[in-house]
Amino acid sequence: MSRSSRPHFTTVFSNDIYKTPLKYLRTLLLPINMLVVAVIAWRVNSLFAGAMPTMASVKLSTGRPIRTKLVYSMYSRMSADTVKGNLMTLGVDFFVLEDSWCTRRTRPGCSMPEIWDIEDSQNVGKVPLCAHMSRSSRPHFTTVFSNDIYKVLKVSKDLR
């Protein structure tokens, strides 16, 4: 394949990447790299759960098993007992909590807790579980890692 006929990087990715300041890219990539570095040495068979973009990075970088679908209930208004039960059923060892998924709201009705309100109308009006977990993860979970973006919660395996 000649050099001119090979797909060019810019045909796959936007030219905007060349205009994006390196400092900005570092702010996007550094937090996830810090998370991956933190968890890479943990038990090889530990199962992680969290938001899909972060779990994709954990899976790709560490090879750890991940769960995503039911785990979004952490961003609902369900009780900690219910969410912990969901996570235990899935065999989750650690949940990667991202506060931005709890608080991000691009327009009315579009935050994760508001989306869950449609699915889980009986809990409308309660404080989202993720807001509680951002402050204190006890007694249902144990915080084992925390920075400005991520809080890794160990799922306590007791029957609480």
N, C-alpha and C. Protein backbone atom coordinates (compact mmCIF):
# COMPACT_ATOMS: atom_id res chain seq x y z
N MET A 1 0.85 -1.17 0.00
CA MET A 1 0.00 0.00 0.00
C MET A 1 0.89 1.23 0.00
N SER A 2 0.67 2.08 -0.95
CA SER A 2 1.50 3.28 -1.04
C SER A 2 1.13 4.24 0.09
N ARG A 3 2.07 5.09 0.39
CA ARG A 3 1.87 6.06 1.47
C ARG A 3 0.64 6.93 1.22
N SER A 4 0.42 7.33 -0.02
CA SER A 4 -0.70 8.23 -0.31
C SER A 4 -2.05 7.52 -0.27
N SER A 5 -2.07 6.19 -0.46
CA SER A 5 -3.36 5.48 -0.46
C SER A 5 -3.74 4.94 0.92
N ARG A 6 -2.81 5.00 1.88
CA ARG A 6 -3.14 4.57 3.23
C ARG A 6 -4.12 5.53 3.87
N PRO A 7 -5.05 5.00 4.72
CA PRO A 7 -5.96 5.91 5.41
C PRO A 7 -5.16 6.89 6.25
N HIS A 8 -5.51 8.11 6.18
CA HIS A 8 -4.82 9.15 6.93
C HIS A 8 -5.49 9.30 8.29
N PHE A 9 -4.70 9.58 9.31
CA PHE A 9 -5.21 9.75 10.67
C PHE A 9 -6.41 10.69 10.70
N THR A 10 -6.36 11.76 9.94
CA THR A 10 -7.44 12.75 10.00
C THR A 10 -8.71 12.27 9.32
N THR A 11 -8.64 11.18 8.54
CA THR A 11 -9.88 10.65 7.96
C THR A 11 -10.68 9.88 9.00
N VAL A 12 -10.01 9.40 10.02
CA VAL A 12 -10.67 8.65 11.08
C VAL A 12 -11.06 9.57 12.23
N PHE A 13 -10.17 10.47 12.57
CA PHE A 13 -10.39 11.38 13.68
C PHE A 13 -10.52 12.81 13.17
N SER A 14 -11.23 13.60 13.90
CA SER A 14 -11.43 15.00 13.53
C SER A 14 -10.12 15.77 13.57
N ASN A 15 -10.00 16.74 12.71
CA ASN A 15 -8.83 17.63 12.74
C ASN A 15 -8.77 18.43 14.03
N ASP A 16 -9.89 18.48 14.75
CA ASP A 16 -9.93 19.26 16.00
C ASP A 16 -8.90 18.78 17.01
N ILE A 17 -8.51 17.52 16.91
CA ILE A 17 -7.53 17.00 17.87
C ILE A 17 -6.22 17.76 17.76
N TYR A 18 -5.91 18.24 16.56
CA TYR A 18 -4.67 18.99 16.37
C TYR A 18 -4.77 20.39 16.95
N LYS A 19 -5.99 20.89 17.09
CA LYS A 19 -6.21 22.23 17.63
C LYS A 19 -6.39 22.21 19.14
N THR A 20 -6.61 21.03 19.69
CA THR A 20 -6.85 20.90 21.12
C THR A 20 -5.54 21.04 21.88
N PRO A 21 -5.46 21.98 22.81
CA PRO A 21 -4.22 22.14 23.57
C PRO A 21 -3.89 20.88 24.37
N LEU A 22 -2.62 20.53 24.38
CA LEU A 22 -2.15 19.35 25.10
C LEU A 22 -2.55 19.41 26.57
N LYS A 23 -2.52 20.59 27.15
CA LYS A 23 -2.89 20.74 28.56
C LYS A 23 -4.33 20.25 28.78
N TYR A 24 -5.23 20.59 27.86
CA TYR A 24 -6.63 20.16 27.97
C TYR A 24 -6.74 18.64 27.84
N LEU A 25 -6.02 18.06 26.89
CA LEU A 25 -6.04 16.61 26.73
C LEU A 25 -5.55 15.91 27.99
N ARG A 26 -4.52 16.47 28.62
CA ARG A 26 -4.01 15.88 29.86
C ARG A 26 -5.07 15.90 30.95
N THR A 27 -5.87 16.96 31.02
CA THR A 27 -6.91 17.02 32.06
C THR A 27 -7.97 15.97 31.81
N LEU A 28 -8.16 15.59 30.55
CA LEU A 28 -9.13 14.54 30.24
C LEU A 28 -8.58 13.16 30.54
N LEU A 29 -7.31 12.94 30.19
CA LEU A 29 -6.74 11.61 30.28
C LEU A 29 -6.10 11.29 31.62
N LEU A 30 -5.54 12.26 32.29
CA LEU A 30 -4.83 12.00 33.54
C LEU A 30 -5.70 11.35 34.61
N PRO A 31 -6.91 11.84 34.87
CA PRO A 31 -7.70 11.20 35.93
C PRO A 31 -7.98 9.72 35.67
N ILE A 32 -8.30 9.36 34.44
CA ILE A 32 -8.59 7.96 34.16
C ILE A 32 -7.32 7.13 34.25
N ASN A 33 -6.18 7.70 33.83
CA ASN A 33 -4.91 6.99 33.96
C ASN A 33 -4.57 6.77 35.43
N MET A 34 -4.85 7.76 36.27
CA MET A 34 -4.60 7.62 37.70
C MET A 34 -5.45 6.49 38.28
N LEU A 35 -6.70 6.41 37.84
CA LEU A 35 -7.59 5.34 38.29
C LEU A 35 -7.04 3.99 37.86
N VAL A 36 -6.66 3.86 36.61
CA VAL A 36 -6.15 2.59 36.08
C VAL A 36 -4.88 2.19 36.83
N VAL A 37 -3.98 3.13 37.06
CA VAL A 37 -2.76 2.83 37.81
C VAL A 37 -3.10 2.35 39.21
N ALA A 38 -4.10 2.96 39.82
CA ALA A 38 -4.49 2.58 41.18
C ALA A 38 -5.05 1.17 41.24
N VAL A 39 -5.83 0.75 40.26
CA VAL A 39 -6.50 -0.54 40.35
C VAL A 39 -5.77 -1.69 39.66
N ILE A 40 -4.74 -1.39 38.89
CA ILE A 40 -4.09 -2.44 38.10
C ILE A 40 -3.43 -3.51 38.97
N ALA A 41 -2.99 -3.14 40.16
CA ALA A 41 -2.32 -4.10 41.03
C ALA A 41 -3.28 -4.84 41.96
N TRP A 42 -4.55 -4.51 41.92
CA TRP A 42 -5.51 -5.18 42.77
C TRP A 42 -5.74 -6.59 42.28
N ARG A 43 -6.44 -7.39 43.08
CA ARG A 43 -6.72 -8.79 42.73
C ARG A 43 -7.11 -8.92 41.27
N VAL A 44 -6.48 -9.83 40.56
CA VAL A 44 -6.71 -10.00 39.12
C VAL A 44 -8.15 -10.35 38.80
N ASN A 45 -8.82 -11.09 39.66
CA ASN A 45 -10.19 -11.51 39.36
C ASN A 45 -11.25 -10.57 39.95
N SER A 46 -10.84 -9.39 40.43
CA SER A 46 -11.81 -8.42 40.95
C SER A 46 -12.70 -7.94 39.81
N LEU A 47 -13.99 -7.82 40.09
CA LEU A 47 -14.95 -7.38 39.09
C LEU A 47 -15.34 -5.94 39.39
N PHE A 48 -15.24 -5.07 38.39
CA PHE A 48 -15.51 -3.64 38.55
C PHE A 48 -16.82 -3.27 37.88
N ALA A 49 -17.47 -2.25 38.43
CA ALA A 49 -18.71 -1.74 37.86
C ALA A 49 -18.66 -0.22 37.88
N GLY A 50 -19.34 0.39 36.93
CA GLY A 50 -19.38 1.85 36.87
C GLY A 50 -19.91 2.30 35.52
N ALA A 51 -19.73 3.58 35.24
CA ALA A 51 -20.22 4.15 33.98
C ALA A 51 -19.44 3.57 32.80
N MET A 52 -20.13 3.37 31.70
CA MET A 52 -19.56 2.69 30.54
C MET A 52 -18.25 3.29 30.04
N PRO A 53 -18.11 4.61 29.86
CA PRO A 53 -16.84 5.12 29.35
C PRO A 53 -15.65 4.77 30.25
N THR A 54 -15.84 4.86 31.55
CA THR A 54 -14.76 4.53 32.48
C THR A 54 -14.49 3.04 32.50
N MET A 55 -15.54 2.23 32.49
CA MET A 55 -15.37 0.78 32.51
C MET A 55 -14.68 0.29 31.23
N ALA A 56 -14.93 0.93 30.11
CA ALA A 56 -14.23 0.56 28.88
C ALA A 56 -12.72 0.76 29.06
N SER A 57 -12.33 1.84 29.71
CA SER A 57 -10.90 2.09 29.96
C SER A 57 -10.33 1.08 30.94
N VAL A 58 -11.08 0.77 31.99
CA VAL A 58 -10.62 -0.23 32.96
C VAL A 58 -10.44 -1.58 32.27
N LYS A 59 -11.41 -1.98 31.47
CA LYS A 59 -11.34 -3.27 30.76
C LYS A 59 -10.17 -3.29 29.79
N LEU A 60 -10.03 -2.25 28.99
CA LEU A 60 -8.97 -2.19 27.99
C LEU A 60 -7.59 -2.16 28.63
N SER A 61 -7.43 -1.38 29.69
CA SER A 61 -6.12 -1.19 30.30
C SER A 61 -5.72 -2.29 31.26
N THR A 62 -6.68 -2.90 31.95
CA THR A 62 -6.34 -3.87 32.98
C THR A 62 -6.81 -5.28 32.67
N GLY A 63 -7.76 -5.42 31.75
CA GLY A 63 -8.32 -6.74 31.45
C GLY A 63 -9.29 -7.23 32.51
N ARG A 64 -9.60 -6.40 33.51
CA ARG A 64 -10.51 -6.81 34.58
C ARG A 64 -11.94 -6.97 34.04
N PRO A 65 -12.70 -7.90 34.61
CA PRO A 65 -14.10 -8.01 34.21
C PRO A 65 -14.89 -6.78 34.69
N ILE A 66 -15.90 -6.40 33.91
CA ILE A 66 -16.69 -5.21 34.23
C ILE A 66 -18.18 -5.51 34.11
N ARG A 67 -18.99 -4.66 34.73
CA ARG A 67 -20.45 -4.69 34.60
C ARG A 67 -20.91 -3.24 34.44
N THR A 68 -21.96 -3.03 33.64
CA THR A 68 -22.42 -1.66 33.45
C THR A 68 -23.93 -1.47 33.55
N LYS A 69 -24.75 -2.34 32.99
CA LYS A 69 -26.17 -2.05 32.83
C LYS A 69 -26.91 -1.80 34.16
N LEU A 70 -27.03 -2.81 35.00
CA LEU A 70 -27.74 -2.64 36.28
C LEU A 70 -27.04 -1.69 37.24
N VAL A 71 -25.75 -1.53 37.04
CA VAL A 71 -24.99 -0.72 38.00
C VAL A 71 -25.33 0.76 37.93
N TYR A 72 -25.97 1.19 36.84
CA TYR A 72 -26.39 2.59 36.77
C TYR A 72 -27.41 2.91 37.86
N SER A 73 -27.95 1.89 38.53
CA SER A 73 -28.89 2.15 39.63
C SER A 73 -28.21 2.91 40.77
N MET A 74 -26.88 2.92 40.81
CA MET A 74 -26.16 3.73 41.80
C MET A 74 -26.51 5.21 41.62
N TYR A 75 -26.91 5.58 40.42
CA TYR A 75 -27.25 6.97 40.12
C TYR A 75 -28.75 7.22 40.21
N SER A 76 -29.48 6.26 40.77
CA SER A 76 -30.93 6.39 40.96
C SER A 76 -31.21 6.91 42.37
N ARG A 77 -32.46 6.85 42.75
CA ARG A 77 -32.87 7.25 44.10
C ARG A 77 -33.24 6.02 44.93
N MET A 78 -32.85 4.85 44.47
CA MET A 78 -33.12 3.60 45.19
C MET A 78 -32.32 3.58 46.49
N SER A 79 -32.71 2.69 47.38
CA SER A 79 -31.99 2.56 48.65
C SER A 79 -30.63 1.91 48.42
N ALA A 80 -29.72 2.17 49.34
CA ALA A 80 -28.39 1.55 49.27
C ALA A 80 -28.51 0.03 49.36
N ASP A 81 -29.46 -0.46 50.16
CA ASP A 81 -29.67 -1.91 50.27
C ASP A 81 -30.03 -2.52 48.92
N THR A 82 -30.94 -1.87 48.19
CA THR A 82 -31.37 -2.38 46.89
C THR A 82 -30.22 -2.39 45.89
N VAL A 83 -29.49 -1.28 45.81
CA VAL A 83 -28.39 -1.18 44.86
C VAL A 83 -27.28 -2.15 45.22
N LYS A 84 -26.97 -2.25 46.51
CA LYS A 84 -25.94 -3.21 46.94
C LYS A 84 -26.37 -4.62 46.57
N GLY A 85 -27.64 -4.95 46.75
CA GLY A 85 -28.15 -6.27 46.36
C GLY A 85 -27.96 -6.53 44.88
N ASN A 86 -28.25 -5.51 44.04
CA ASN A 86 -28.02 -5.63 42.59
C ASN A 86 -26.56 -5.93 42.29
N LEU A 87 -25.67 -5.18 42.94
CA LEU A 87 -24.24 -5.34 42.69
C LEU A 87 -23.74 -6.70 43.16
N MET A 88 -24.23 -7.15 44.32
CA MET A 88 -23.84 -8.47 44.82
C MET A 88 -24.33 -9.57 43.89
N THR A 89 -25.54 -9.43 43.36
CA THR A 89 -26.08 -10.41 42.42
C THR A 89 -25.19 -10.51 41.18
N LEU A 90 -24.64 -9.38 40.76
CA LEU A 90 -23.75 -9.36 39.59
C LEU A 90 -22.34 -9.82 39.93
N GLY A 91 -22.04 -9.99 41.22
CA GLY A 91 -20.70 -10.41 41.63
C GLY A 91 -19.69 -9.28 41.63
N VAL A 92 -20.16 -8.04 41.72
CA VAL A 92 -19.28 -6.87 41.67
C VAL A 92 -18.46 -6.77 42.96
N ASP A 93 -17.16 -6.54 42.82
CA ASP A 93 -16.28 -6.32 43.96
C ASP A 93 -16.10 -4.82 44.24
N PHE A 94 -15.99 -4.02 43.18
CA PHE A 94 -15.73 -2.59 43.32
C PHE A 94 -16.63 -1.80 42.38
N PHE A 95 -17.14 -0.69 42.87
CA PHE A 95 -17.93 0.22 42.05
C PHE A 95 -17.15 1.52 41.91
N VAL A 96 -16.96 1.99 40.68
CA VAL A 96 -16.27 3.25 40.43
C VAL A 96 -17.33 4.35 40.33
N LEU A 97 -17.43 5.15 41.38
CA LEU A 97 -18.42 6.23 41.44
C LEU A 97 -17.82 7.50 40.85
N GLU A 98 -18.55 8.09 39.93
CA GLU A 98 -18.13 9.36 39.33
C GLU A 98 -19.20 10.39 39.65
N ASP A 99 -18.83 11.37 40.44
CA ASP A 99 -19.79 12.38 40.88
C ASP A 99 -20.43 13.10 39.70
N SER A 100 -19.68 13.28 38.62
CA SER A 100 -20.24 14.01 37.47
C SER A 100 -21.45 13.30 36.88
N TRP A 101 -21.50 11.97 36.97
CA TRP A 101 -22.67 11.25 36.47
C TRP A 101 -23.89 11.52 37.35
N CYS A 102 -23.64 11.87 38.58
CA CYS A 102 -24.73 12.16 39.52
C CYS A 102 -25.23 13.59 39.34
N THR A 103 -24.33 14.51 39.04
CA THR A 103 -24.68 15.92 39.03
C THR A 103 -24.81 16.53 37.64
N ARG A 104 -24.26 15.88 36.62
CA ARG A 104 -24.30 16.43 35.26
C ARG A 104 -25.74 16.53 34.76
N ARG A 105 -26.07 17.69 34.23
CA ARG A 105 -27.43 17.90 33.73
C ARG A 105 -27.34 18.84 32.54
N THR A 106 -27.40 18.29 31.33
CA THR A 106 -27.29 19.11 30.14
C THR A 106 -28.54 19.94 29.89
N ARG A 107 -29.68 19.40 30.28
CA ARG A 107 -30.96 20.13 30.20
C ARG A 107 -31.93 19.46 31.17
N PRO A 108 -33.02 20.13 31.50
CA PRO A 108 -33.98 19.54 32.46
C PRO A 108 -34.43 18.14 32.04
N GLY A 109 -34.39 17.23 33.01
CA GLY A 109 -34.81 15.85 32.75
C GLY A 109 -33.73 14.94 32.23
N CYS A 110 -32.51 15.45 32.07
CA CYS A 110 -31.44 14.65 31.44
C CYS A 110 -30.35 14.17 32.40
N SER A 111 -30.45 14.47 33.68
CA SER A 111 -29.45 13.93 34.61
C SER A 111 -29.77 12.45 34.85
N MET A 112 -28.79 11.69 35.28
CA MET A 112 -29.01 10.26 35.53
C MET A 112 -30.12 10.04 36.56
N PRO A 113 -30.14 10.77 37.69
CA PRO A 113 -31.25 10.57 38.63
C PRO A 113 -32.61 10.86 38.00
N GLU A 114 -32.69 11.89 37.17
CA GLU A 114 -33.97 12.23 36.52
C GLU A 114 -34.38 11.16 35.50
N ILE A 115 -33.42 10.60 34.82
CA ILE A 115 -33.71 9.51 33.87
C ILE A 115 -34.23 8.30 34.64
N TRP A 116 -33.59 8.01 35.78
CA TRP A 116 -34.06 6.89 36.61
C TRP A 116 -35.47 7.13 37.14
N ASP A 117 -35.85 8.39 37.35
CA ASP A 117 -37.19 8.69 37.85
C ASP A 117 -38.27 8.14 36.93
N ILE A 118 -38.01 8.08 35.65
CA ILE A 118 -38.97 7.52 34.69
C ILE A 118 -39.11 6.02 34.91
N GLU A 119 -37.99 5.35 35.15
CA GLU A 119 -37.96 3.90 35.36
C GLU A 119 -38.45 3.51 36.75
N ASP A 120 -38.16 4.34 37.73
CA ASP A 120 -38.39 4.01 39.14
C ASP A 120 -39.19 5.13 39.81
N SER A 121 -40.45 5.27 39.42
CA SER A 121 -41.27 6.41 39.88
C SER A 121 -41.56 6.40 41.38
N GLN A 122 -41.48 5.24 42.03
CA GLN A 122 -41.78 5.19 43.46
C GLN A 122 -40.75 5.92 44.31
N ASN A 123 -39.57 6.19 43.77
CA ASN A 123 -38.53 6.86 44.55
C ASN A 123 -38.32 8.33 44.16
N VAL A 124 -39.17 8.86 43.28
CA VAL A 124 -39.06 10.26 42.86
C VAL A 124 -39.12 11.16 44.10
N GLY A 125 -38.25 12.16 44.12
CA GLY A 125 -38.24 13.11 45.24
C GLY A 125 -37.20 12.79 46.30
N LYS A 126 -36.71 11.55 46.32
CA LYS A 126 -35.66 11.19 47.28
C LYS A 126 -34.31 11.70 46.77
N VAL A 127 -33.36 11.80 47.67
CA VAL A 127 -32.00 12.19 47.30
C VAL A 127 -31.36 11.03 46.54
N PRO A 128 -30.69 11.29 45.42
CA PRO A 128 -30.03 10.20 44.69
C PRO A 128 -28.98 9.49 45.56
N LEU A 129 -28.90 8.18 45.41
CA LEU A 129 -27.93 7.40 46.18
C LEU A 129 -26.51 7.89 45.94
N CYS A 130 -26.20 8.25 44.71
CA CYS A 130 -24.84 8.71 44.40
C CYS A 130 -24.46 9.95 45.23
N ALA A 131 -25.42 10.80 45.52
CA ALA A 131 -25.15 11.98 46.36
C ALA A 131 -24.80 11.55 47.78
N HIS A 132 -25.50 10.55 48.30
CA HIS A 132 -25.17 10.01 49.63
C HIS A 132 -23.76 9.39 49.62
N MET A 133 -23.47 8.61 48.57
CA MET A 133 -22.19 7.90 48.48
C MET A 133 -21.02 8.87 48.32
N SER A 134 -21.26 10.01 47.70
CA SER A 134 -20.20 11.01 47.55
C SER A 134 -19.77 11.55 48.91
N ARG A 135 -20.72 11.61 49.84
CA ARG A 135 -20.41 12.10 51.19
C ARG A 135 -19.88 10.99 52.09
N SER A 136 -20.59 9.87 52.14
CA SER A 136 -20.20 8.76 53.02
C SER A 136 -20.70 7.44 52.43
N SER A 137 -19.79 6.51 52.26
CA SER A 137 -20.16 5.23 51.65
C SER A 137 -20.56 4.17 52.67
N ARG A 138 -20.33 4.43 53.93
CA ARG A 138 -20.66 3.46 54.98
C ARG A 138 -22.15 3.40 55.23
N PRO A 139 -22.71 2.30 55.66
CA PRO A 139 -22.12 1.01 56.00
C PRO A 139 -22.14 0.01 54.84
N HIS A 140 -22.75 0.35 53.74
CA HIS A 140 -22.94 -0.61 52.65
C HIS A 140 -21.70 -0.80 51.78
N PHE A 141 -20.85 0.22 51.74
CA PHE A 141 -19.65 0.19 50.90
C PHE A 141 -18.49 0.75 51.70
N THR A 142 -17.27 0.46 51.24
CA THR A 142 -16.08 1.01 51.85
C THR A 142 -15.29 1.74 50.78
N THR A 143 -14.93 3.00 51.02
CA THR A 143 -14.13 3.75 50.06
C THR A 143 -12.70 3.26 50.13
N VAL A 144 -12.17 2.79 48.98
CA VAL A 144 -10.80 2.26 48.95
C VAL A 144 -9.88 3.12 48.09
N PHE A 145 -10.43 4.04 47.33
CA PHE A 145 -9.65 4.97 46.51
C PHE A 145 -10.52 6.18 46.25
N SER A 146 -9.89 7.36 46.26
CA SER A 146 -10.66 8.57 46.00
C SER A 146 -9.74 9.65 45.46
N ASN A 147 -10.22 10.38 44.45
CA ASN A 147 -9.55 11.59 43.99
C ASN A 147 -10.64 12.59 43.63
N ASP A 148 -10.30 13.64 42.91
CA ASP A 148 -11.29 14.67 42.60
C ASP A 148 -12.40 14.19 41.68
N ILE A 149 -12.19 13.09 40.99
CA ILE A 149 -13.16 12.63 39.99
C ILE A 149 -13.77 11.29 40.34
N TYR A 150 -12.96 10.36 40.85
CA TYR A 150 -13.42 9.00 41.11
C TYR A 150 -13.41 8.67 42.59
N LYS A 151 -14.34 7.81 42.96
CA LYS A 151 -14.36 7.24 44.30
C LYS A 151 -14.62 5.75 44.07
N VAL A 152 -13.66 4.90 44.42
CA VAL A 152 -13.85 3.46 44.24
C VAL A 152 -14.40 2.90 45.54
N LEU A 153 -15.58 2.29 45.42
CA LEU A 153 -16.27 1.72 46.58
C LEU A 153 -16.16 0.21 46.55
N LYS A 154 -15.67 -0.37 47.63
CA LYS A 154 -15.65 -1.82 47.76
C LYS A 154 -17.03 -2.25 48.21
N VAL A 155 -17.57 -3.24 47.52
CA VAL A 155 -18.89 -3.76 47.88
C VAL A 155 -18.71 -4.72 49.03
N SER A 156 -19.18 -4.32 50.22
CA SER A 156 -19.07 -5.19 51.39
C SER A 156 -19.90 -6.43 51.14
N LYS A 157 -19.34 -7.59 51.39
CA LYS A 157 -20.02 -8.85 51.07
C LYS A 157 -20.90 -9.37 52.20
N ASP A 158 -21.09 -8.58 53.25
CA ASP A 158 -22.00 -9.03 54.31
C ASP A 158 -23.43 -8.94 53.79
N LEU A 159 -24.36 -9.45 54.52
CA LEU A 159 -25.75 -9.53 54.06
C LEU A 159 -26.59 -8.32 54.44
N ARG A 160 -25.98 -7.23 54.86
CA ARG A 160 -26.72 -6.00 55.22
C ARG A 160 -27.65 -5.57 54.14
